[in-house]
Amino acid sequence: MTLLDLNQMFSSDDQCRELLKRLRWPEGVRCPRCQADAIKLATAKELYFCQTCVYQFSVVAGTIFNDSHLPLPIWFTAVHLLCEAKKGMSAHQVKRTIWGLNKGSYKTAWYLCHRIRAAMKEVEQPMLVGTVEMDETYVGGHEHVGKGWNRPDNNKEIVIGIRQRGGELRFFHASDAKSGTLAQYIKENISTDVDVMVTDEMPAYPKAMISAGVHGSKHKTIRHKSKIYVDGDIHTNTVESAFSLLKRGIMGSWHKISAKHLSAYLDEMTFRFNRRKRSDLFIDTLRHMVTADPLTFENLTA
């Protein structure tokens, strides 16, 4: 869907609400509280009423759109911009694109983008199988001044990347890159029936594999310190290409990300990356937005 298509198909609140209704209740309108059938009220605001629990609601009640004063076409445009931006789009750019230089506020655009990112957080993810690459990278802060794998003297943030070849990508904002932390990510994301786990030679990985129940024969190592980057099928280039995209997004689009909100940007990047070949990326994002829990400004800035 192009931006021109979007403006033609969803130029009014009524058109947007009709799509959201079909995405949220494909089998008919249901009460968000008790899941009973609801009836449409004869009002200009397109409200629904549940006779079972005596609850009046709209299609955006209890969703990411909840309590927003922005017109739905603005929301749809912002969703489209974030979906189509391969390296992400900053809140400043969203503001300029939608409202222009002298209208709207950065705070509104920033909150709008974060509410969309909140819906991009995957709740249920299948375990990764086949050949899986795992690596770590460091973002933000000053250049590394420490030595060794743990780099104790730097103030960068650690991002763990896991990618199944031909499958999904996962990014995590980690507190450290110790074996216990790595083992937990392996347990939660990688099947013990994995064919091959490929990592670099960081000393924490072998112990992490044992703790996570991955047999030692399944763990293959590529020795970057020896300037070996590919040894047949043994490499971490697949996950490192995703790291490259992330860093281009940070440096070229977002420019500055706080440690507090880093996970939200990682969720956005992985959500878009894993759906990059899907023609329904925009629709699927809206589907997540009408099923995800609301994000209040107080919670976002707490």
C-alpha atoms as a PDB file:
ATOM      1  CA  MET A   1       0.000   0.000   0.000  1.00  0.00           C
ATOM      2  CA  THR A   2       1.408   3.371  -0.988  1.00  0.00           C
ATOM      3  CA  LEU A   3       0.875   6.634   0.860  1.00  0.00           C
ATOM      4  CA  LEU A   4      -1.408   7.756  -1.978  1.00  0.00           C
ATOM      5  CA  ASP A   5      -3.494   4.586  -1.587  1.00  0.00           C
ATOM      6  CA  LEU A   6      -3.714   5.220   2.147  1.00  0.00           C
ATOM      7  CA  ASN A   7      -4.949   8.785   1.700  1.00  0.00           C
ATOM      8  CA  GLN A   8      -7.609   7.675  -0.770  1.00  0.00           C
ATOM      9  CA  MET A   9      -8.868   4.670   1.209  1.00  0.00           C
ATOM     10  CA  PHE A  10      -8.697   6.067   4.753  1.00  0.00           C
ATOM     11  CA  SER A  11      -9.262   9.801   4.522  1.00  0.00           C
ATOM     12  CA  SER A  12     -11.991   9.915   7.194  1.00  0.00           C
ATOM     13  CA  ASP A  13     -12.474   8.616  10.730  1.00  0.00           C
ATOM     14  CA  ASP A  14     -15.433   6.517   9.598  1.00  0.00           C
ATOM     15  CA  GLN A  15     -13.333   4.652   7.016  1.00  0.00           C
ATOM     16  CA  CYS A  16     -10.602   4.036   9.597  1.00  0.00           C
ATOM     17  CA  ARG A  17     -13.059   2.834  12.222  1.00  0.00           C
ATOM     18  CA  GLU A  18     -14.620   0.379   9.784  1.00  0.00           C
ATOM     19  CA  LEU A  19     -11.226  -1.231   9.127  1.00  0.00           C
ATOM     20  CA  LEU A  20     -10.378  -1.355  12.825  1.00  0.00           C
ATOM     21  CA  LYS A  21     -13.747  -2.969  13.555  1.00  0.00           C
ATOM     22  CA  ARG A  22     -13.096  -5.735  11.016  1.00  0.00           C
ATOM     23  CA  LEU A  23      -9.585  -6.305  12.360  1.00  0.00           C
ATOM     24  CA  ARG A  24     -10.655  -6.369  16.018  1.00  0.00           C
ATOM     25  CA  TRP A  25     -13.892  -8.326  15.635  1.00  0.00           C
ATOM     26  CA  PRO A  26     -13.732 -10.426  12.453  1.00  0.00           C
ATOM     27  CA  GLU A  27     -16.692 -12.531  13.683  1.00  0.00           C
ATOM     28  CA  GLY A  28     -18.845  -9.674  14.936  1.00  0.00           C
ATOM     29  CA  VAL A  29     -18.595  -6.988  17.629  1.00  0.00           C
ATOM     30  CA  ARG A  30     -17.825  -8.393  21.075  1.00  0.00           C
ATOM     31  CA  CYS A  31     -17.721  -6.647  24.452  1.00  0.00           C
ATOM     32  CA  PRO A  32     -14.101  -5.983  25.574  1.00  0.00           C
ATOM     33  CA  ARG A  33     -15.071  -6.730  29.185  1.00  0.00           C
ATOM     34  CA  CYS A  34     -17.186  -9.911  29.054  1.00  0.00           C
ATOM     35  CA  GLN A  35     -16.827 -10.975  25.391  1.00  0.00           C
ATOM     36  CA  ALA A  36     -20.600 -11.081  24.947  1.00  0.00           C
ATOM     37  CA  ASP A  37     -22.305  -9.920  21.736  1.00  0.00           C
ATOM     38  CA  ALA A  38     -22.845  -6.163  21.542  1.00  0.00           C
ATOM     39  CA  ILE A  39     -25.223  -3.959  19.583  1.00  0.00           C
ATOM     40  CA  LYS A  40     -24.499  -0.749  17.746  1.00  0.00           C
ATOM     41  CA  LEU A  41     -26.033   2.410  19.165  1.00  0.00           C
ATOM     42  CA  ALA A  42     -27.692   4.985  16.951  1.00  0.00           C
ATOM     43  CA  THR A  43     -25.176   7.729  17.716  1.00  0.00           C
ATOM     44  CA  ALA A  44     -22.867   9.887  15.626  1.00  0.00           C
ATOM     45  CA  LYS A  45     -19.818   8.596  17.532  1.00  0.00           C
ATOM     46  CA  GLU A  46     -20.387   4.969  16.449  1.00  0.00           C
ATOM     47  CA  LEU A  47     -20.653   3.462  19.918  1.00  0.00           C
ATOM     48  CA  TYR A  48     -21.579  -0.083  20.928  1.00  0.00           C
ATOM     49  CA  PHE A  49     -23.468  -1.375  23.951  1.00  0.00           C
ATOM     50  CA  CYS A  50     -23.212  -4.656  25.836  1.00  0.00           C
ATOM     51  CA  GLN A  51     -26.474  -5.596  27.519  1.00  0.00           C
ATOM     52  CA  THR A  52     -24.791  -8.360  29.518  1.00  0.00           C
ATOM     53  CA  CYS A  53     -22.435  -6.158  31.569  1.00  0.00           C
ATOM     54  CA  VAL A  54     -24.045  -2.807  30.709  1.00  0.00           C
ATOM     55  CA  TYR A  55     -20.924  -1.384  29.104  1.00  0.00           C
ATOM     56  CA  GLN A  56     -20.740   1.245  26.381  1.00  0.00           C
ATOM     57  CA  PHE A  57     -17.624   1.324  24.237  1.00  0.00           C
ATOM     58  CA  SER A  58     -16.108   2.221  20.867  1.00  0.00           C
ATOM     59  CA  VAL A  59     -13.853   0.268  18.528  1.00  0.00           C
ATOM     60  CA  VAL A  60     -10.747   1.948  20.004  1.00  0.00           C
ATOM     61  CA  ALA A  61     -11.645   1.364  23.673  1.00  0.00           C
ATOM     62  CA  GLY A  62      -8.909  -0.510  25.500  1.00  0.00           C
ATOM     63  CA  THR A  63      -6.528  -0.398  22.534  1.00  0.00           C
ATOM     64  CA  ILE A  64      -3.354   1.523  21.683  1.00  0.00           C
ATOM     65  CA  PHE A  65      -5.658   4.236  20.243  1.00  0.00           C
ATOM     66  CA  ASN A  66      -7.392   4.648  23.622  1.00  0.00           C
ATOM     67  CA  ASP A  67      -7.882   8.236  24.901  1.00  0.00           C
ATOM     68  CA  SER A  68      -6.192   9.751  21.852  1.00  0.00           C
ATOM     69  CA  HIS A  69      -7.437  13.088  20.550  1.00  0.00           C
ATOM     70  CA  LEU A  70      -5.696  12.635  17.205  1.00  0.00           C
ATOM     71  CA  PRO A  71      -7.882  11.853  14.166  1.00  0.00           C
ATOM     72  CA  LEU A  72      -7.545   8.246  13.033  1.00  0.00           C
ATOM     73  CA  PRO A  73      -6.220   9.247   9.560  1.00  0.00           C
ATOM     74  CA  ILE A  74      -3.249  10.821  11.382  1.00  0.00           C
ATOM     75  CA  TRP A  75      -2.691   7.549  13.236  1.00  0.00           C
ATOM     76  CA  PHE A  76      -2.903   5.556  10.010  1.00  0.00           C
ATOM     77  CA  THR A  77      -0.391   7.862   8.311  1.00  0.00           C
ATOM     78  CA  ALA A  78       2.071   7.526  11.207  1.00  0.00           C
ATOM     79  CA  VAL A  79       1.736   3.730  11.152  1.00  0.00           C
ATOM     80  CA  HIS A  80       2.408   3.701   7.418  1.00  0.00           C
ATOM     81  CA  LEU A  81       5.501   5.898   7.818  1.00  0.00           C
ATOM     82  CA  LEU A  82       7.003   3.637  10.495  1.00  0.00           C
ATOM     83  CA  CYS A  83       6.183   0.480   8.545  1.00  0.00           C
ATOM     84  CA  GLU A  84       7.779   1.708   5.332  1.00  0.00           C
ATOM     85  CA  ALA A  85      10.937   3.190   6.903  1.00  0.00           C
ATOM     86  CA  LYS A  86      13.466   0.359   6.635  1.00  0.00           C
ATOM     87  CA  LYS A  87      15.843   2.016   9.102  1.00  0.00           C
ATOM     88  CA  GLY A  88      13.125   3.599  11.222  1.00  0.00           C
ATOM     89  CA  MET A  89      11.861   7.181  11.352  1.00  0.00           C
ATOM     90  CA  SER A  90      12.462   9.731  14.079  1.00  0.00           C
ATOM     91  CA  ALA A  91       9.650  11.525  15.865  1.00  0.00           C
ATOM     92  CA  HIS A  92      10.976  14.823  14.454  1.00  0.00           C
ATOM     93  CA  GLN A  93      10.641  13.459  10.915  1.00  0.00           C
ATOM     94  CA  VAL A  94       7.131  12.140  11.624  1.00  0.00           C
ATOM     95  CA  LYS A  95       6.174  15.583  12.933  1.00  0.00           C
ATOM     96  CA  ARG A  96       7.545  17.355   9.859  1.00  0.00           C
ATOM     97  CA  THR A  97       5.928  14.885   7.449  1.00  0.00           C
ATOM     98  CA  ILE A  98       2.460  14.965   9.017  1.00  0.00           C
ATOM     99  CA  TRP A  99       2.116  18.473  10.463  1.00  0.00           C
ATOM    100  CA  GLY A 100       4.876  20.482   8.796  1.00  0.00           C
ATOM    101  CA  LEU A 101       7.452  22.703  10.441  1.00  0.00           C
ATOM    102  CA  ASN A 102       5.185  25.066  12.366  1.00  0.00           C
ATOM    103  CA  LYS A 103       2.326  22.798  13.440  1.00  0.00           C
ATOM    104  CA  GLY A 104       1.995  19.959  15.908  1.00  0.00           C
ATOM    105  CA  SER A 105       4.474  19.256  18.671  1.00  0.00           C
ATOM    106  CA  TYR A 106       7.438  16.959  19.053  1.00  0.00           C
ATOM    107  CA  LYS A 107       5.942  15.580  22.276  1.00  0.00           C
ATOM    108  CA  THR A 108       2.791  14.499  20.421  1.00  0.00           C
ATOM    109  CA  ALA A 109       4.788  12.841  17.636  1.00  0.00           C
ATOM    110  CA  TRP A 110       7.132  11.130  20.131  1.00  0.00           C
ATOM    111  CA  TYR A 111       4.225   9.704  22.139  1.00  0.00           C
ATOM    112  CA  LEU A 112       2.461   8.664  18.934  1.00  0.00           C
ATOM    113  CA  CYS A 113       5.517   6.726  17.712  1.00  0.00           C
ATOM    114  CA  HIS A 114       6.027   5.006  21.049  1.00  0.00           C
ATOM    115  CA  ARG A 115       2.412   3.856  21.171  1.00  0.00           C
ATOM    116  CA  ILE A 116       2.856   2.265  17.761  1.00  0.00           C
ATOM    117  CA  ARG A 117       6.091   0.609  18.945  1.00  0.00           C
ATOM    118  CA  ALA A 118       4.272  -0.754  22.001  1.00  0.00           C
ATOM    119  CA  ALA A 119       1.980  -2.677  19.662  1.00  0.00           C
ATOM    120  CA  MET A 120       4.986  -4.071  17.799  1.00  0.00           C
ATOM    121  CA  LYS A 121       6.200  -5.999  20.840  1.00  0.00           C
ATOM    122  CA  GLU A 122       5.782  -9.701  20.117  1.00  0.00           C
ATOM    123  CA  VAL A 123       3.978 -11.557  22.912  1.00  0.00           C
ATOM    124  CA  GLU A 124       4.175 -15.119  21.640  1.00  0.00           C
ATOM    125  CA  GLN A 125       7.214 -16.225  19.657  1.00  0.00           C
ATOM    126  CA  PRO A 126       8.008 -19.745  18.407  1.00  0.00           C
ATOM    127  CA  MET A 127      11.259 -21.398  19.399  1.00  0.00           C
ATOM    128  CA  LEU A 128      13.978 -21.034  16.783  1.00  0.00           C
ATOM    129  CA  VAL A 129      15.281 -24.159  15.048  1.00  0.00           C
ATOM    130  CA  GLY A 130      17.610 -25.129  12.208  1.00  0.00           C
ATOM    131  CA  THR A 131      20.815 -23.081  12.027  1.00  0.00           C
ATOM    132  CA  VAL A 132      20.765 -20.215  14.507  1.00  0.00           C
ATOM    133  CA  GLU A 133      23.348 -17.453  14.885  1.00  0.00           C
ATOM    134  CA  MET A 134      23.897 -15.553  18.125  1.00  0.00           C
ATOM    135  CA  ASP A 135      26.055 -12.511  18.709  1.00  0.00           C
ATOM    136  CA  GLU A 136      26.297  -9.384  20.819  1.00  0.00           C
ATOM    137  CA  THR A 137      26.913  -5.750  19.946  1.00  0.00           C
ATOM    138  CA  TYR A 138      27.260  -2.462  21.807  1.00  0.00           C
ATOM    139  CA  VAL A 139      25.345   0.737  21.025  1.00  0.00           C
ATOM    140  CA  GLY A 140      25.329   4.310  22.301  1.00  0.00           C
ATOM    141  CA  GLY A 141      27.708   5.994  24.715  1.00  0.00           C
ATOM    142  CA  HIS A 142      31.384   6.646  24.076  1.00  0.00           C
ATOM    143  CA  GLU A 143      33.890   4.416  22.363  1.00  0.00           C
ATOM    144  CA  HIS A 144      35.117   1.325  24.214  1.00  0.00           C
ATOM    145  CA  VAL A 145      38.034   1.983  26.532  1.00  0.00           C
ATOM    146  CA  GLY A 146      38.049  -1.352  28.370  1.00  0.00           C
ATOM    147  CA  LYS A 147      39.747  -4.520  27.210  1.00  0.00           C
ATOM    148  CA  GLY A 148      38.469  -8.070  26.940  1.00  0.00           C
ATOM    149  CA  TRP A 149      35.030  -9.443  26.255  1.00  0.00           C
ATOM    150  CA  ASN A 150      33.247  -7.797  29.193  1.00  0.00           C
ATOM    151  CA  ARG A 151      34.601  -4.298  28.450  1.00  0.00           C
ATOM    152  CA  PRO A 152      34.026  -3.114  32.042  1.00  0.00           C
ATOM    153  CA  ASP A 153      34.994   0.508  31.477  1.00  0.00           C
ATOM    154  CA  ASN A 154      32.566   1.465  28.721  1.00  0.00           C
ATOM    155  CA  ASN A 155      29.131   3.022  29.059  1.00  0.00           C
ATOM    156  CA  LYS A 156      27.543   1.465  26.005  1.00  0.00           C
ATOM    157  CA  GLU A 157      24.365  -0.635  26.065  1.00  0.00           C
ATOM    158  CA  ILE A 158      24.491  -4.330  25.186  1.00  0.00           C
ATOM    159  CA  VAL A 159      22.204  -5.773  22.512  1.00  0.00           C
ATOM    160  CA  ILE A 160      21.982  -9.530  22.079  1.00  0.00           C
ATOM    161  CA  GLY A 161      21.007 -10.683  18.591  1.00  0.00           C
ATOM    162  CA  ILE A 162      19.631 -14.122  17.685  1.00  0.00           C
ATOM    163  CA  ARG A 163      18.695 -14.958  14.105  1.00  0.00           C
ATOM    164  CA  GLN A 164      17.561 -18.188  12.511  1.00  0.00           C
ATOM    165  CA  ARG A 165      18.830 -18.535   8.976  1.00  0.00           C
ATOM    166  CA  GLY A 166      15.816 -18.223   6.740  1.00  0.00           C
ATOM    167  CA  GLY A 167      13.731 -17.395   9.819  1.00  0.00           C
ATOM    168  CA  GLU A 168      13.130 -14.790  12.479  1.00  0.00           C
ATOM    169  CA  LEU A 169      15.344 -12.205  14.131  1.00  0.00           C
ATOM    170  CA  ARG A 170      15.310 -11.386  17.854  1.00  0.00           C
ATOM    171  CA  PHE A 171      16.985  -8.410  19.560  1.00  0.00           C
ATOM    172  CA  PHE A 172      17.295  -8.015  23.338  1.00  0.00           C
ATOM    173  CA  HIS A 173      18.585  -5.184  25.510  1.00  0.00           C
ATOM    174  CA  ALA A 174      20.782  -7.093  27.979  1.00  0.00           C
ATOM    175  CA  SER A 175      22.288  -6.003  31.268  1.00  0.00           C
ATOM    176  CA  ASP A 176      25.505  -7.902  30.517  1.00  0.00           C
ATOM    177  CA  ALA A 177      26.971 -10.559  28.226  1.00  0.00           C
ATOM    178  CA  LYS A 178      27.816 -13.119  30.896  1.00  0.00           C
ATOM    179  CA  SER A 179      27.140 -16.821  30.439  1.00  0.00           C
ATOM    180  CA  GLY A 180      24.118 -16.858  32.757  1.00  0.00           C
ATOM    181  CA  THR A 181      22.414 -14.039  30.862  1.00  0.00           C
ATOM    182  CA  LEU A 182      23.161 -15.611  27.486  1.00  0.00           C
ATOM    183  CA  ALA A 183      21.901 -19.001  28.696  1.00  0.00           C
ATOM    184  CA  GLN A 184      18.563 -17.466  29.678  1.00  0.00           C
ATOM    185  CA  TYR A 185      18.050 -15.965  26.220  1.00  0.00           C
ATOM    186  CA  ILE A 186      18.966 -19.305  24.631  1.00  0.00           C
ATOM    187  CA  LYS A 187      16.480 -21.209  26.818  1.00  0.00           C
ATOM    188  CA  GLU A 188      13.658 -18.783  26.044  1.00  0.00           C
ATOM    189  CA  ASN A 189      14.202 -18.524  22.288  1.00  0.00           C
ATOM    190  CA  ILE A 190      16.084 -21.525  20.889  1.00  0.00           C
ATOM    191  CA  SER A 191      14.876 -25.118  20.780  1.00  0.00           C
ATOM    192  CA  THR A 192      17.133 -27.802  22.274  1.00  0.00           C
ATOM    193  CA  ASP A 193      16.577 -29.623  18.963  1.00  0.00           C
ATOM    194  CA  VAL A 194      18.396 -26.857  17.079  1.00  0.00           C
ATOM    195  CA  ASP A 195      20.656 -28.233  14.332  1.00  0.00           C
ATOM    196  CA  VAL A 196      23.569 -25.813  14.761  1.00  0.00           C
ATOM    197  CA  MET A 197      24.287 -22.835  17.014  1.00  0.00           C
ATOM    198  CA  VAL A 198      26.916 -20.478  15.588  1.00  0.00           C
ATOM    199  CA  THR A 199      28.657 -17.832  17.708  1.00  0.00           C
ATOM    200  CA  ASP A 200      31.995 -16.054  17.827  1.00  0.00           C
ATOM    201  CA  GLU A 201      34.734 -17.130  20.239  1.00  0.00           C
ATOM    202  CA  MET A 202      33.589 -15.130  23.279  1.00  0.00           C
ATOM    203  CA  PRO A 203      34.394 -17.363  26.301  1.00  0.00           C
ATOM    204  CA  ALA A 204      30.878 -17.048  27.797  1.00  0.00           C
ATOM    205  CA  TYR A 205      29.169 -18.913  24.946  1.00  0.00           C
ATOM    206  CA  PRO A 206      30.328 -22.535  25.625  1.00  0.00           C
ATOM    207  CA  LYS A 207      29.198 -22.366  29.266  1.00  0.00           C
ATOM    208  CA  ALA A 208      25.933 -20.705  28.225  1.00  0.00           C
ATOM    209  CA  MET A 209      25.230 -23.524  25.752  1.00  0.00           C
ATOM    210  CA  ILE A 210      25.751 -26.164  28.433  1.00  0.00           C
ATOM    211  CA  SER A 211      23.507 -24.309  30.895  1.00  0.00           C
ATOM    212  CA  ALA A 212      20.796 -23.968  28.235  1.00  0.00           C
ATOM    213  CA  GLY A 213      20.898 -27.666  27.351  1.00  0.00           C
ATOM    214  CA  VAL A 214      22.385 -27.268  23.873  1.00  0.00           C
ATOM    215  CA  HIS A 215      24.706 -30.188  23.171  1.00  0.00           C
ATOM    216  CA  GLY A 216      28.328 -29.185  22.674  1.00  0.00           C
ATOM    217  CA  SER A 217      28.523 -30.848  19.267  1.00  0.00           C
ATOM    218  CA  LYS A 218      25.840 -28.450  18.022  1.00  0.00           C
ATOM    219  CA  HIS A 219      27.850 -25.357  18.950  1.00  0.00           C
ATOM    220  CA  LYS A 220      30.115 -24.067  16.182  1.00  0.00           C
ATOM    221  CA  THR A 221      32.513 -21.168  16.644  1.00  0.00           C
ATOM    222  CA  ILE A 222      33.905 -18.692  14.133  1.00  0.00           C
ATOM    223  CA  ARG A 223      37.161 -17.078  15.262  1.00  0.00           C
ATOM    224  CA  HIS A 224      36.963 -13.388  14.454  1.00  0.00           C
ATOM    225  CA  LYS A 225      40.119 -12.576  16.443  1.00  0.00           C
ATOM    226  CA  SER A 226      42.040 -14.749  14.005  1.00  0.00           C
ATOM    227  CA  LYS A 227      40.451 -12.729  11.176  1.00  0.00           C
ATOM    228  CA  ILE A 228      38.349 -15.713  10.095  1.00  0.00           C
ATOM    229  CA  TYR A 229      34.835 -14.567   9.227  1.00  0.00           C
ATOM    230  CA  VAL A 230      33.509 -17.427   7.088  1.00  0.00           C
ATOM    231  CA  ASP A 231      34.380 -21.120   7.310  1.00  0.00           C
ATOM    232  CA  GLY A 232      31.974 -22.942   5.006  1.00  0.00           C
ATOM    233  CA  ASP A 233      28.553 -22.606   6.651  1.00  0.00           C
ATOM    234  CA  ILE A 234      30.063 -21.412   9.919  1.00  0.00           C
ATOM    235  CA  HIS A 235      29.658 -17.645  10.230  1.00  0.00           C
ATOM    236  CA  THR A 236      27.617 -15.004  12.033  1.00  0.00           C
ATOM    237  CA  ASN A 237      27.170 -12.746   9.016  1.00  0.00           C
ATOM    238  CA  THR A 238      23.386 -13.217   9.034  1.00  0.00           C
ATOM    239  CA  VAL A 239      22.845 -11.726  12.489  1.00  0.00           C
ATOM    240  CA  GLU A 240      25.602  -9.153  11.948  1.00  0.00           C
ATOM    241  CA  SER A 241      23.792  -7.820   8.881  1.00  0.00           C
ATOM    242  CA  ALA A 242      20.791  -7.185  11.142  1.00  0.00           C
ATOM    243  CA  PHE A 243      23.077  -5.397  13.638  1.00  0.00           C
ATOM    244  CA  SER A 244      24.282  -3.222  10.759  1.00  0.00           C
ATOM    245  CA  LEU A 245      20.705  -2.246   9.914  1.00  0.00           C
ATOM    246  CA  LEU A 246      20.015  -1.430  13.574  1.00  0.00           C
ATOM    247  CA  LYS A 247      23.081   0.805  13.862  1.00  0.00           C
ATOM    248  CA  ARG A 248      22.235   2.618  10.620  1.00  0.00           C
ATOM    249  CA  GLY A 249      18.816   3.277  12.115  1.00  0.00           C
ATOM    250  CA  ILE A 250      20.325   4.658  15.324  1.00  0.00           C
ATOM    251  CA  MET A 251      22.926   6.821  13.593  1.00  0.00           C
ATOM    252  CA  GLY A 252      20.949   7.858  10.520  1.00  0.00           C
ATOM    253  CA  SER A 253      17.318   8.043  11.654  1.00  0.00           C
ATOM    254  CA  TRP A 254      16.847   8.119  15.421  1.00  0.00           C
ATOM    255  CA  HIS A 255      20.268   9.714  16.144  1.00  0.00           C
ATOM    256  CA  LYS A 256      19.896   9.376  19.909  1.00  0.00           C
ATOM    257  CA  ILE A 257      18.189   6.629  21.921  1.00  0.00           C
ATOM    258  CA  SER A 258      18.030   6.510  25.708  1.00  0.00           C
ATOM    259  CA  ALA A 259      18.822   3.247  27.473  1.00  0.00           C
ATOM    260  CA  LYS A 260      15.353   3.384  29.015  1.00  0.00           C
ATOM    261  CA  HIS A 261      13.563   3.156  25.657  1.00  0.00           C
ATOM    262  CA  LEU A 262      16.104   1.049  23.749  1.00  0.00           C
ATOM    263  CA  SER A 263      13.935  -2.094  24.026  1.00  0.00           C
ATOM    264  CA  ALA A 264      11.037  -0.319  22.290  1.00  0.00           C
ATOM    265  CA  TYR A 265      13.225   0.549  19.299  1.00  0.00           C
ATOM    266  CA  LEU A 266      14.538  -3.024  19.186  1.00  0.00           C
ATOM    267  CA  ASP A 267      10.935  -4.290  19.145  1.00  0.00           C
ATOM    268  CA  GLU A 268      10.118  -1.987  16.238  1.00  0.00           C
ATOM    269  CA  MET A 269      13.181  -3.041  14.265  1.00  0.00           C
ATOM    270  CA  THR A 270      12.590  -6.784  14.710  1.00  0.00           C
ATOM    271  CA  PHE A 271       8.843  -6.505  14.046  1.00  0.00           C
ATOM    272  CA  ARG A 272       9.433  -4.725  10.753  1.00  0.00           C
ATOM    273  CA  PHE A 273      12.434  -6.881   9.801  1.00  0.00           C
ATOM    274  CA  ASN A 274      10.582 -10.174  10.305  1.00  0.00           C
ATOM    275  CA  ARG A 275       7.715  -8.927   8.125  1.00  0.00           C
ATOM    276  CA  ARG A 276       9.785  -7.139   5.497  1.00  0.00           C
ATOM    277  CA  LYS A 277       8.591  -9.428   2.695  1.00  0.00           C
ATOM    278  CA  ARG A 278       4.924  -9.372   3.668  1.00  0.00           C
ATOM    279  CA  SER A 279       2.500  -7.280   1.659  1.00  0.00           C
ATOM    280  CA  ASP A 280       0.171  -6.901   4.679  1.00  0.00           C
ATOM    281  CA  LEU A 281       2.707  -5.255   7.021  1.00  0.00           C
ATOM    282  CA  PHE A 282       0.532  -2.154   7.464  1.00  0.00           C
ATOM    283  CA  ILE A 283      -2.650  -4.149   8.120  1.00  0.00           C
ATOM    284  CA  ASP A 284      -0.852  -6.545  10.455  1.00  0.00           C
ATOM    285  CA  THR A 285       0.497  -3.602  12.468  1.00  0.00           C
ATOM    286  CA  LEU A 286      -3.025  -2.203  12.860  1.00  0.00           C
ATOM    287  CA  ARG A 287      -4.214  -5.667  13.918  1.00  0.00           C
ATOM    288  CA  HIS A 288      -1.646  -5.646  16.709  1.00  0.00           C
ATOM    289  CA  MET A 289      -2.684  -2.129  17.705  1.00  0.00           C
ATOM    290  CA  VAL A 290      -6.308  -3.123  18.358  1.00  0.00           C
ATOM    291  CA  THR A 291      -5.271  -6.134  20.443  1.00  0.00           C
ATOM    292  CA  ALA A 292      -2.330  -4.706  22.447  1.00  0.00           C
ATOM    293  CA  ASP A 293      -2.795  -3.079  25.853  1.00  0.00           C
ATOM    294  CA  PRO A 294      -2.934   0.740  25.996  1.00  0.00           C
ATOM    295  CA  LEU A 295       0.218   2.724  26.781  1.00  0.00           C
ATOM    296  CA  THR A 296      -0.343   5.847  28.861  1.00  0.00           C
ATOM    297  CA  PHE A 297       2.004   8.805  28.791  1.00  0.00           C
ATOM    298  CA  GLU A 298       2.526   8.428  32.545  1.00  0.00           C
ATOM    299  CA  ASN A 299       3.712   4.850  32.160  1.00  0.00           C
ATOM    300  CA  LEU A 300       5.894   5.725  29.193  1.00  0.00           C
ATOM    301  CA  THR A 301       7.699   8.502  31.074  1.00  0.00           C
ATOM    302  CA  ALA A 302       7.698   6.934  34.564  1.00  0.00           C
END
